[in-house]
Amino acid sequence: MIAGVECSATAADGHNALAMLVRREGETISALLRRLDKAVGRYYLTDEPTDEINPH
């Protein structure tokens, strides 16, 4: 559990957090991992991380 989030998926490259996603109600783990894959791809295209865990 991270910051009160029951289930999350995160990805980092050793220096940067690329994506931190929160599992949505009713979302399967497989669907969450597909979203994580897309978020990582977006990071490498735009250099902007996706962060659903920490409020901005």
C-alpha atoms as a PDB file:
ATOM      1  CA  MET A   1       0.000   0.000   0.000  1.00  0.00           C
ATOM      2  CA  ILE A   2       1.372   3.405  -1.013  1.00  0.00           C
ATOM      3  CA  ALA A   3      -0.081   6.615   0.445  1.00  0.00           C
ATOM      4  CA  GLY A   4      -3.383   4.894   1.212  1.00  0.00           C
ATOM      5  CA  VAL A   5      -3.629   3.422  -2.297  1.00  0.00           C
ATOM      6  CA  GLU A   6      -4.639  -0.233  -2.104  1.00  0.00           C
ATOM      7  CA  CYS A   7      -3.197  -1.317  -5.453  1.00  0.00           C
ATOM      8  CA  SER A   8      -0.837   0.471  -7.797  1.00  0.00           C
ATOM      9  CA  ALA A   9       1.608  -0.155 -10.619  1.00  0.00           C
ATOM     10  CA  THR A  10       4.822   1.815 -10.941  1.00  0.00           C
ATOM     11  CA  ALA A  11       7.757   1.963 -13.342  1.00  0.00           C
ATOM     12  CA  ALA A  12      11.156   3.643 -13.001  1.00  0.00           C
ATOM     13  CA  ASP A  13      14.359   3.668 -15.025  1.00  0.00           C
ATOM     14  CA  GLY A  14      16.838   3.861 -12.162  1.00  0.00           C
ATOM     15  CA  HIS A  15      16.866   7.656 -12.052  1.00  0.00           C
ATOM     16  CA  ASN A  16      13.281   8.734 -12.723  1.00  0.00           C
ATOM     17  CA  ALA A  17       9.768   7.607 -11.930  1.00  0.00           C
ATOM     18  CA  LEU A  18       8.195   7.035 -15.336  1.00  0.00           C
ATOM     19  CA  ALA A  19       4.668   6.152 -14.255  1.00  0.00           C
ATOM     20  CA  MET A  20       2.712   5.614 -11.042  1.00  0.00           C
ATOM     21  CA  LEU A  21      -0.822   4.396 -11.616  1.00  0.00           C
ATOM     22  CA  VAL A  22      -3.685   3.603  -9.246  1.00  0.00           C
ATOM     23  CA  ARG A  23      -5.823   0.549  -9.979  1.00  0.00           C
ATOM     24  CA  ARG A  24      -9.339   1.686 -10.826  1.00  0.00           C
ATOM     25  CA  GLU A  25     -12.423   0.110  -9.304  1.00  0.00           C
ATOM     26  CA  GLY A  26     -13.215  -3.077 -11.218  1.00  0.00           C
ATOM     27  CA  GLU A  27      -9.996  -2.857 -13.269  1.00  0.00           C
ATOM     28  CA  THR A  28      -8.165  -6.136 -13.784  1.00  0.00           C
ATOM     29  CA  ILE A  29      -4.448  -6.397 -13.094  1.00  0.00           C
ATOM     30  CA  SER A  30      -3.961  -7.118 -16.790  1.00  0.00           C
ATOM     31  CA  ALA A  31      -5.729  -3.878 -17.746  1.00  0.00           C
ATOM     32  CA  LEU A  32      -3.696  -1.943 -15.161  1.00  0.00           C
ATOM     33  CA  LEU A  33      -0.462  -3.314 -16.627  1.00  0.00           C
ATOM     34  CA  ARG A  34      -1.572  -2.374 -20.156  1.00  0.00           C
ATOM     35  CA  ARG A  35      -2.177   1.188 -18.924  1.00  0.00           C
ATOM     36  CA  LEU A  36       1.267   1.135 -17.295  1.00  0.00           C
ATOM     37  CA  ASP A  37       2.836   0.037 -20.581  1.00  0.00           C
ATOM     38  CA  LYS A  38       1.113   2.908 -22.406  1.00  0.00           C
ATOM     39  CA  ALA A  39       2.178   5.403 -19.728  1.00  0.00           C
ATOM     40  CA  VAL A  40       5.812   4.282 -20.025  1.00  0.00           C
ATOM     41  CA  GLY A  41       5.597   4.656 -23.810  1.00  0.00           C
ATOM     42  CA  ARG A  42       4.164   8.160 -23.366  1.00  0.00           C
ATOM     43  CA  TYR A  43       7.062   9.025 -21.057  1.00  0.00           C
ATOM     44  CA  TYR A  44       9.615   8.098 -23.711  1.00  0.00           C
ATOM     45  CA  LEU A  45       7.737  10.151 -26.326  1.00  0.00           C
ATOM     46  CA  THR A  46       7.060  13.249 -24.221  1.00  0.00           C
ATOM     47  CA  ASP A  47       9.542  13.014 -21.302  1.00  0.00           C
ATOM     48  CA  GLU A  48       6.605  13.608 -18.921  1.00  0.00           C
ATOM     49  CA  PRO A  49       5.806  11.036 -16.209  1.00  0.00           C
ATOM     50  CA  THR A  50       2.286   9.927 -15.333  1.00  0.00           C
ATOM     51  CA  ASP A  51       1.545  10.248 -11.618  1.00  0.00           C
ATOM     52  CA  GLU A  52      -1.851   9.212 -10.276  1.00  0.00           C
ATOM     53  CA  ILE A  53      -0.579   8.699  -6.714  1.00  0.00           C
ATOM     54  CA  ASN A  54       0.824  12.071  -5.684  1.00  0.00           C
ATOM     55  CA  PRO A  55      -1.462  15.080  -5.993  1.00  0.00           C
ATOM     56  CA  HIS A  56       0.040  17.913  -8.016  1.00  0.00           C
END
